[in-house]
């Protein structure tokens, strides 16, 4: 009986380890959601539909420098990784990316490491033409 319990616990532990390993792979993905609102209060903006001016005004951090024209989501993620590492000194991959047509900017935000992790993620808006960082925020 004791042997069966230990085998069962071993199998359960193996399943948990596999789930954690699969959910923590490093890559990027294109956002499926139509909108992303980082806060549940009235001051929040819809990052995927906000104007360029709204994104700049909403930024927590002023980030200078440009990276050149950003052709696709993969390039946007590479820039976001550099900025997040420089500003917040952490990795928030995989990243969710979507293009904001109103602001002509890539919106990139991180994800939490696992389903059991509490906290917030960084969100960055990157101008498509210049590669300039329009907005950097971090949720709680």
N, C-alpha and C. Protein backbone atom coordinates (compact mmCIF):
# COMPACT_ATOMS: atom_id res chain seq x y z
N UNK A 1 0.82 -1.20 0.00
CA UNK A 1 0.00 0.00 0.00
C UNK A 1 0.86 1.26 0.00
N UNK A 2 1.91 1.29 0.88
CA UNK A 2 2.80 2.45 0.95
C UNK A 2 3.54 2.65 -0.37
N UNK A 3 3.92 1.54 -1.00
CA UNK A 3 4.63 1.63 -2.27
C UNK A 3 3.73 2.27 -3.33
N UNK A 4 2.45 1.93 -3.36
CA UNK A 4 1.50 2.50 -4.31
C UNK A 4 1.34 4.00 -4.09
N UNK A 5 1.32 4.43 -2.85
CA UNK A 5 1.19 5.86 -2.54
C UNK A 5 2.42 6.62 -3.04
N UNK A 6 3.61 6.06 -2.79
CA UNK A 6 4.83 6.72 -3.25
C UNK A 6 4.90 6.77 -4.77
N UNK A 7 4.46 5.73 -5.44
CA UNK A 7 4.43 5.73 -6.91
C UNK A 7 3.45 6.79 -7.40
N UNK A 8 2.29 6.87 -6.77
CA UNK A 8 1.30 7.88 -7.15
C UNK A 8 1.82 9.29 -6.96
N UNK A 9 2.49 9.54 -5.84
CA UNK A 9 3.07 10.86 -5.60
C UNK A 9 4.17 11.18 -6.62
N UNK A 10 4.95 10.18 -6.98
CA UNK A 10 6.00 10.38 -7.98
C UNK A 10 5.41 10.74 -9.33
N UNK A 11 4.34 10.07 -9.71
CA UNK A 11 3.68 10.37 -10.99
C UNK A 11 3.10 11.78 -10.96
N UNK A 12 2.46 12.15 -9.86
CA UNK A 12 1.88 13.49 -9.71
C UNK A 12 2.96 14.56 -9.79
N UNK A 13 4.07 14.35 -9.13
CA UNK A 13 5.18 15.30 -9.17
C UNK A 13 5.73 15.43 -10.58
N UNK A 14 5.86 14.35 -11.29
CA UNK A 14 6.33 14.37 -12.67
C UNK A 14 5.39 15.19 -13.55
N UNK A 15 4.09 15.02 -13.39
CA UNK A 15 3.11 15.78 -14.17
C UNK A 15 3.25 17.27 -13.89
N UNK A 16 3.38 17.65 -12.63
CA UNK A 16 3.53 19.06 -12.27
C UNK A 16 4.79 19.64 -12.90
N UNK A 17 5.90 18.92 -12.85
CA UNK A 17 7.15 19.39 -13.44
C UNK A 17 7.01 19.59 -14.94
N UNK A 18 6.37 18.68 -15.62
CA UNK A 18 6.17 18.79 -17.07
C UNK A 18 5.30 20.01 -17.39
N UNK A 19 4.23 20.24 -16.64
CA UNK A 19 3.36 21.39 -16.88
C UNK A 19 4.13 22.69 -16.70
N UNK A 20 4.92 22.79 -15.65
CA UNK A 20 5.71 24.00 -15.41
C UNK A 20 6.72 24.20 -16.53
N UNK A 21 7.38 23.14 -16.97
CA UNK A 21 8.37 23.25 -18.04
C UNK A 21 7.74 23.69 -19.35
N UNK A 22 6.58 23.16 -19.67
CA UNK A 22 5.91 23.51 -20.92
C UNK A 22 5.41 24.95 -20.91
N UNK A 23 4.88 25.41 -19.78
CA UNK A 23 4.32 26.76 -19.73
C UNK A 23 5.39 27.83 -19.59
N UNK A 24 6.63 27.48 -19.35
CA UNK A 24 7.67 28.48 -19.17
C UNK A 24 8.65 28.53 -20.34
N UNK A 25 8.27 28.07 -21.51
CA UNK A 25 9.15 28.12 -22.67
C UNK A 25 9.35 29.56 -23.12
N UNK A 26 10.52 29.88 -23.62
CA UNK A 26 10.85 31.24 -24.04
C UNK A 26 10.58 31.40 -25.52
N UNK A 27 9.61 32.22 -25.85
CA UNK A 27 9.35 32.61 -27.22
C UNK A 27 8.33 33.76 -27.20
N UNK A 28 7.79 34.11 -28.32
CA UNK A 28 6.78 35.14 -28.35
C UNK A 28 5.55 34.59 -29.05
N UNK A 29 4.44 35.26 -28.88
CA UNK A 29 3.24 34.84 -29.58
C UNK A 29 2.44 36.08 -29.93
N UNK A 30 1.63 35.98 -30.93
CA UNK A 30 0.78 37.09 -31.35
C UNK A 30 -0.47 37.08 -30.48
N UNK A 31 -0.86 38.25 -30.03
CA UNK A 31 -2.02 38.35 -29.15
C UNK A 31 -3.29 37.99 -29.89
N UNK A 32 -4.17 37.30 -29.22
CA UNK A 32 -5.46 36.95 -29.78
C UNK A 32 -6.53 37.92 -29.30
N UNK A 33 -6.32 38.47 -28.11
CA UNK A 33 -7.31 39.36 -27.51
C UNK A 33 -7.49 40.62 -28.36
N UNK A 34 -8.71 41.14 -28.35
CA UNK A 34 -9.01 42.38 -29.07
C UNK A 34 -8.58 43.61 -28.28
N UNK A 35 -8.46 43.48 -26.99
CA UNK A 35 -8.03 44.62 -26.19
C UNK A 35 -7.27 44.13 -24.97
N UNK A 36 -6.48 45.03 -24.43
CA UNK A 36 -5.72 44.71 -23.24
C UNK A 36 -5.78 45.94 -22.35
N UNK A 37 -6.37 45.81 -21.19
CA UNK A 37 -6.47 46.93 -20.26
C UNK A 37 -5.71 46.52 -19.01
N UNK A 38 -4.59 47.20 -18.72
CA UNK A 38 -3.74 46.74 -17.63
C UNK A 38 -4.30 46.96 -16.24
N UNK A 39 -5.24 47.81 -16.06
CA UNK A 39 -5.82 48.08 -14.75
C UNK A 39 -7.33 48.00 -14.82
N UNK A 40 -7.94 47.71 -13.70
CA UNK A 40 -9.41 47.63 -13.66
C UNK A 40 -9.98 48.92 -13.09
N UNK A 41 -9.29 50.03 -13.27
CA UNK A 41 -9.83 51.30 -12.78
C UNK A 41 -10.21 52.20 -13.96
N UNK A 42 -10.74 53.36 -13.67
CA UNK A 42 -11.26 54.24 -14.71
C UNK A 42 -10.17 54.98 -15.46
N UNK A 43 -8.93 54.98 -14.94
CA UNK A 43 -7.83 55.68 -15.61
C UNK A 43 -7.15 54.83 -16.68
N UNK A 44 -7.53 53.57 -16.79
CA UNK A 44 -6.88 52.67 -17.73
C UNK A 44 -7.27 53.01 -19.17
N UNK A 45 -6.36 52.69 -20.08
CA UNK A 45 -6.65 52.87 -21.50
C UNK A 45 -6.53 51.52 -22.19
N UNK A 46 -7.16 51.42 -23.32
CA UNK A 46 -7.07 50.22 -24.16
C UNK A 46 -5.81 50.37 -25.00
N UNK A 47 -4.76 49.67 -24.63
CA UNK A 47 -3.47 49.84 -25.29
C UNK A 47 -3.50 49.49 -26.77
N UNK A 48 -4.36 48.58 -27.16
CA UNK A 48 -4.40 48.15 -28.56
C UNK A 48 -5.15 49.11 -29.47
N UNK A 49 -5.87 50.07 -28.89
CA UNK A 49 -6.62 51.02 -29.71
C UNK A 49 -6.35 52.48 -29.34
N UNK A 50 -5.46 52.72 -28.39
CA UNK A 50 -5.16 54.07 -27.94
C UNK A 50 -4.39 54.85 -29.01
N UNK A 51 -4.51 56.17 -28.96
CA UNK A 51 -3.75 57.02 -29.88
C UNK A 51 -2.30 57.09 -29.41
N UNK A 52 -1.46 57.57 -30.29
CA UNK A 52 -0.04 57.76 -29.96
C UNK A 52 0.11 58.66 -28.74
N UNK A 53 -0.64 59.75 -28.71
CA UNK A 53 -0.57 60.70 -27.60
C UNK A 53 -1.02 60.07 -26.28
N UNK A 54 -2.07 59.24 -26.33
CA UNK A 54 -2.54 58.55 -25.12
C UNK A 54 -1.48 57.60 -24.58
N UNK A 55 -0.79 56.89 -25.47
CA UNK A 55 0.25 55.96 -25.05
C UNK A 55 1.41 56.71 -24.38
N UNK A 56 1.83 57.81 -24.98
CA UNK A 56 2.93 58.60 -24.43
C UNK A 56 2.55 59.15 -23.05
N UNK A 57 1.33 59.65 -22.94
CA UNK A 57 0.86 60.23 -21.67
C UNK A 57 0.73 59.16 -20.58
N UNK A 58 0.39 57.95 -20.95
CA UNK A 58 0.16 56.86 -19.99
C UNK A 58 1.46 56.25 -19.48
N UNK A 59 2.58 56.56 -20.13
CA UNK A 59 3.87 55.94 -19.79
C UNK A 59 4.32 56.27 -18.37
N UNK A 60 4.87 55.26 -17.68
CA UNK A 60 5.44 55.45 -16.35
C UNK A 60 6.90 55.87 -16.44
N UNK A 61 7.58 55.46 -17.51
CA UNK A 61 9.02 55.66 -17.66
C UNK A 61 9.28 56.39 -18.97
N UNK A 62 10.12 57.40 -18.92
CA UNK A 62 10.56 58.07 -20.14
C UNK A 62 11.80 57.34 -20.65
N UNK A 63 11.69 56.75 -21.83
CA UNK A 63 12.80 55.98 -22.39
C UNK A 63 13.25 56.65 -23.67
N UNK A 64 14.51 57.03 -23.75
CA UNK A 64 15.01 57.68 -24.96
C UNK A 64 15.75 56.66 -25.82
N UNK A 65 15.89 57.01 -27.07
CA UNK A 65 16.58 56.13 -28.00
C UNK A 65 15.60 55.50 -28.97
N UNK A 66 16.11 55.21 -30.15
CA UNK A 66 15.30 54.56 -31.18
C UNK A 66 16.05 53.35 -31.70
N UNK A 67 15.30 52.43 -32.30
CA UNK A 67 15.89 51.18 -32.78
C UNK A 67 15.73 51.00 -34.29
N UNK A 68 15.20 51.99 -34.99
CA UNK A 68 14.97 51.87 -36.43
C UNK A 68 13.63 51.20 -36.71
N UNK A 69 13.26 51.18 -37.97
CA UNK A 69 11.96 50.65 -38.38
C UNK A 69 11.76 49.22 -37.88
N UNK A 70 10.57 48.97 -37.33
CA UNK A 70 10.23 47.66 -36.78
C UNK A 70 9.28 46.97 -37.76
N UNK A 71 9.78 45.98 -38.46
CA UNK A 71 9.03 45.34 -39.54
C UNK A 71 8.00 44.32 -39.08
N UNK A 72 8.24 43.65 -37.95
CA UNK A 72 7.34 42.57 -37.56
C UNK A 72 7.32 42.37 -36.05
N UNK A 73 6.48 41.46 -35.61
CA UNK A 73 6.31 41.19 -34.18
C UNK A 73 7.60 40.68 -33.54
N UNK A 74 8.35 39.87 -34.25
CA UNK A 74 9.58 39.32 -33.69
C UNK A 74 10.58 40.44 -33.37
N UNK A 75 10.71 41.42 -34.26
CA UNK A 75 11.60 42.55 -34.01
C UNK A 75 11.10 43.38 -32.83
N UNK A 76 9.78 43.55 -32.72
CA UNK A 76 9.21 44.29 -31.60
C UNK A 76 9.53 43.61 -30.27
N UNK A 77 9.47 42.29 -30.25
CA UNK A 77 9.79 41.54 -29.04
C UNK A 77 11.26 41.70 -28.68
N UNK A 78 12.13 41.67 -29.65
CA UNK A 78 13.56 41.83 -29.38
C UNK A 78 13.85 43.19 -28.74
N UNK A 79 13.18 44.23 -29.22
CA UNK A 79 13.34 45.56 -28.62
C UNK A 79 12.76 45.57 -27.21
N UNK A 80 11.56 45.01 -27.05
CA UNK A 80 10.91 44.99 -25.74
C UNK A 80 11.77 44.24 -24.72
N UNK A 81 12.37 43.13 -25.12
CA UNK A 81 13.25 42.38 -24.21
C UNK A 81 14.41 43.26 -23.71
N UNK A 82 15.01 44.02 -24.62
CA UNK A 82 16.12 44.90 -24.25
C UNK A 82 15.66 45.97 -23.27
N UNK A 83 14.52 46.59 -23.57
CA UNK A 83 14.01 47.67 -22.74
C UNK A 83 13.61 47.15 -21.36
N UNK A 84 12.88 46.04 -21.31
CA UNK A 84 12.45 45.47 -20.03
C UNK A 84 13.65 45.08 -19.18
N UNK A 85 14.65 44.48 -19.81
CA UNK A 85 15.86 44.10 -19.08
C UNK A 85 16.57 45.34 -18.53
N UNK A 86 16.65 46.40 -19.34
CA UNK A 86 17.33 47.61 -18.91
C UNK A 86 16.57 48.36 -17.81
N UNK A 87 15.25 48.47 -17.97
CA UNK A 87 14.45 49.25 -17.02
C UNK A 87 14.10 48.46 -15.76
N UNK A 88 13.63 47.22 -15.93
CA UNK A 88 13.13 46.44 -14.79
C UNK A 88 14.05 45.29 -14.36
N UNK A 89 15.08 45.01 -15.16
CA UNK A 89 16.05 43.97 -14.86
C UNK A 89 15.42 42.59 -14.66
N UNK A 90 14.46 42.25 -15.51
CA UNK A 90 13.88 40.91 -15.44
C UNK A 90 13.42 40.44 -16.81
N UNK A 91 13.09 39.17 -16.88
CA UNK A 91 12.62 38.54 -18.11
C UNK A 91 11.15 38.21 -17.94
N UNK A 92 10.34 38.61 -18.89
CA UNK A 92 8.90 38.36 -18.79
C UNK A 92 8.38 37.59 -20.00
N UNK A 93 9.23 36.76 -20.59
CA UNK A 93 8.80 35.97 -21.74
C UNK A 93 7.93 34.81 -21.29
N UNK A 94 7.07 34.30 -22.13
CA UNK A 94 6.86 34.74 -23.50
C UNK A 94 6.11 36.07 -23.55
N UNK A 95 6.29 36.77 -24.65
CA UNK A 95 5.68 38.09 -24.83
C UNK A 95 4.46 38.00 -25.73
N UNK A 96 3.50 38.83 -25.45
CA UNK A 96 2.30 38.92 -26.28
C UNK A 96 2.43 40.19 -27.10
N UNK A 97 2.19 40.09 -28.40
CA UNK A 97 2.41 41.21 -29.31
C UNK A 97 1.17 41.44 -30.16
N UNK A 98 0.84 42.71 -30.33
CA UNK A 98 -0.24 43.06 -31.24
C UNK A 98 0.04 44.45 -31.79
N UNK A 99 -0.36 44.70 -33.03
CA UNK A 99 -0.13 45.99 -33.65
C UNK A 99 -1.31 46.92 -33.39
N UNK A 100 -1.02 48.13 -32.94
CA UNK A 100 -2.03 49.16 -32.72
C UNK A 100 -2.03 50.06 -33.95
N UNK A 101 -3.06 49.93 -34.79
CA UNK A 101 -3.13 50.69 -36.04
C UNK A 101 -3.36 52.17 -35.80
N UNK A 102 -4.06 52.52 -34.75
CA UNK A 102 -4.34 53.93 -34.44
C UNK A 102 -3.04 54.69 -34.17
N UNK A 103 -2.16 54.11 -33.37
CA UNK A 103 -0.90 54.76 -32.99
C UNK A 103 0.26 54.36 -33.90
N UNK A 104 0.03 53.43 -34.82
CA UNK A 104 1.09 52.89 -35.68
C UNK A 104 2.24 52.38 -34.83
N UNK A 105 1.88 51.55 -33.83
CA UNK A 105 2.88 51.08 -32.88
C UNK A 105 2.63 49.62 -32.51
N UNK A 106 3.72 48.94 -32.19
CA UNK A 106 3.64 47.58 -31.69
C UNK A 106 3.44 47.65 -30.18
N UNK A 107 2.47 46.90 -29.67
CA UNK A 107 2.24 46.81 -28.24
C UNK A 107 2.75 45.44 -27.80
N UNK A 108 3.69 45.43 -26.87
CA UNK A 108 4.30 44.19 -26.39
C UNK A 108 4.13 44.17 -24.88
N UNK A 109 3.60 43.08 -24.37
CA UNK A 109 3.59 42.94 -22.91
C UNK A 109 4.00 41.53 -22.52
N UNK A 110 4.62 41.49 -21.35
CA UNK A 110 5.13 40.23 -20.83
C UNK A 110 4.03 39.37 -20.26
N UNK A 111 4.41 38.20 -19.84
CA UNK A 111 3.48 37.29 -19.18
C UNK A 111 4.11 36.84 -17.87
N UNK A 112 3.28 36.36 -16.97
CA UNK A 112 3.78 35.86 -15.70
C UNK A 112 4.44 34.50 -15.91
N UNK A 113 5.46 34.16 -15.10
CA UNK A 113 6.20 32.91 -15.29
C UNK A 113 5.37 31.65 -15.23
N UNK A 114 4.34 31.61 -14.39
CA UNK A 114 3.51 30.41 -14.30
C UNK A 114 2.14 30.80 -13.77
N UNK A 115 1.25 29.83 -13.76
CA UNK A 115 -0.11 30.12 -13.30
C UNK A 115 -0.16 30.34 -11.80
N UNK A 116 0.90 30.01 -11.09
CA UNK A 116 0.92 30.17 -9.64
C UNK A 116 1.65 31.43 -9.19
N UNK A 117 2.07 32.27 -10.13
CA UNK A 117 2.85 33.46 -9.81
C UNK A 117 1.94 34.68 -9.72
N UNK A 118 2.11 35.46 -8.67
CA UNK A 118 1.36 36.69 -8.52
C UNK A 118 2.23 37.87 -8.94
N UNK A 119 1.61 38.93 -9.42
CA UNK A 119 2.36 40.12 -9.81
C UNK A 119 1.88 40.65 -11.13
N UNK A 120 2.59 41.64 -11.62
CA UNK A 120 2.22 42.28 -12.87
C UNK A 120 3.27 42.07 -13.93
N UNK A 121 3.02 42.68 -15.08
CA UNK A 121 3.93 42.55 -16.21
C UNK A 121 4.18 43.91 -16.85
N UNK A 122 5.27 44.01 -17.58
CA UNK A 122 5.59 45.23 -18.31
C UNK A 122 4.83 45.26 -19.62
N UNK A 123 4.47 46.46 -20.05
CA UNK A 123 3.87 46.68 -21.37
C UNK A 123 4.63 47.82 -22.02
N UNK A 124 4.92 47.65 -23.30
CA UNK A 124 5.72 48.62 -24.03
C UNK A 124 5.05 48.91 -25.37
N UNK A 125 5.04 50.18 -25.76
CA UNK A 125 4.57 50.57 -27.08
C UNK A 125 5.79 51.05 -27.87
N UNK A 126 5.97 50.49 -29.08
CA UNK A 126 7.13 50.80 -29.91
C UNK A 126 6.63 51.33 -31.25
N UNK A 127 7.06 52.54 -31.61
CA UNK A 127 6.69 53.15 -32.88
C UNK A 127 7.21 52.31 -34.03
N UNK A 128 6.34 51.99 -34.99
CA UNK A 128 6.73 51.11 -36.09
C UNK A 128 7.77 51.77 -37.00
N UNK A 129 7.64 53.05 -37.28
CA UNK A 129 8.52 53.72 -38.23
C UNK A 129 9.91 54.01 -37.68
N UNK A 130 10.00 54.46 -36.44
CA UNK A 130 11.30 54.88 -35.89
C UNK A 130 11.89 53.88 -34.91
N UNK A 131 11.05 53.00 -34.35
CA UNK A 131 11.52 52.09 -33.32
C UNK A 131 11.67 52.79 -31.98
N UNK A 132 11.12 53.99 -31.88
CA UNK A 132 11.16 54.71 -30.62
C UNK A 132 10.18 54.11 -29.62
N UNK A 133 10.54 54.13 -28.35
CA UNK A 133 9.69 53.59 -27.30
C UNK A 133 8.75 54.70 -26.85
N UNK A 134 7.47 54.53 -27.12
CA UNK A 134 6.46 55.53 -26.78
C UNK A 134 5.98 55.41 -25.34
N UNK A 135 5.93 54.18 -24.84
CA UNK A 135 5.35 53.94 -23.53
C UNK A 135 6.03 52.75 -22.86
N UNK A 136 6.26 52.87 -21.56
CA UNK A 136 6.73 51.76 -20.75
C UNK A 136 5.94 51.81 -19.45
N UNK A 137 5.21 50.74 -19.14
CA UNK A 137 4.47 50.66 -17.89
C UNK A 137 4.70 49.28 -17.27
N UNK A 138 4.37 49.15 -16.01
CA UNK A 138 4.43 47.84 -15.35
C UNK A 138 3.24 47.74 -14.41
N UNK A 139 2.48 46.68 -14.55
CA UNK A 139 1.31 46.48 -13.70
C UNK A 139 1.73 45.86 -12.37
N UNK A 140 0.83 45.86 -11.42
CA UNK A 140 1.14 45.30 -10.09
C UNK A 140 0.56 43.92 -9.94
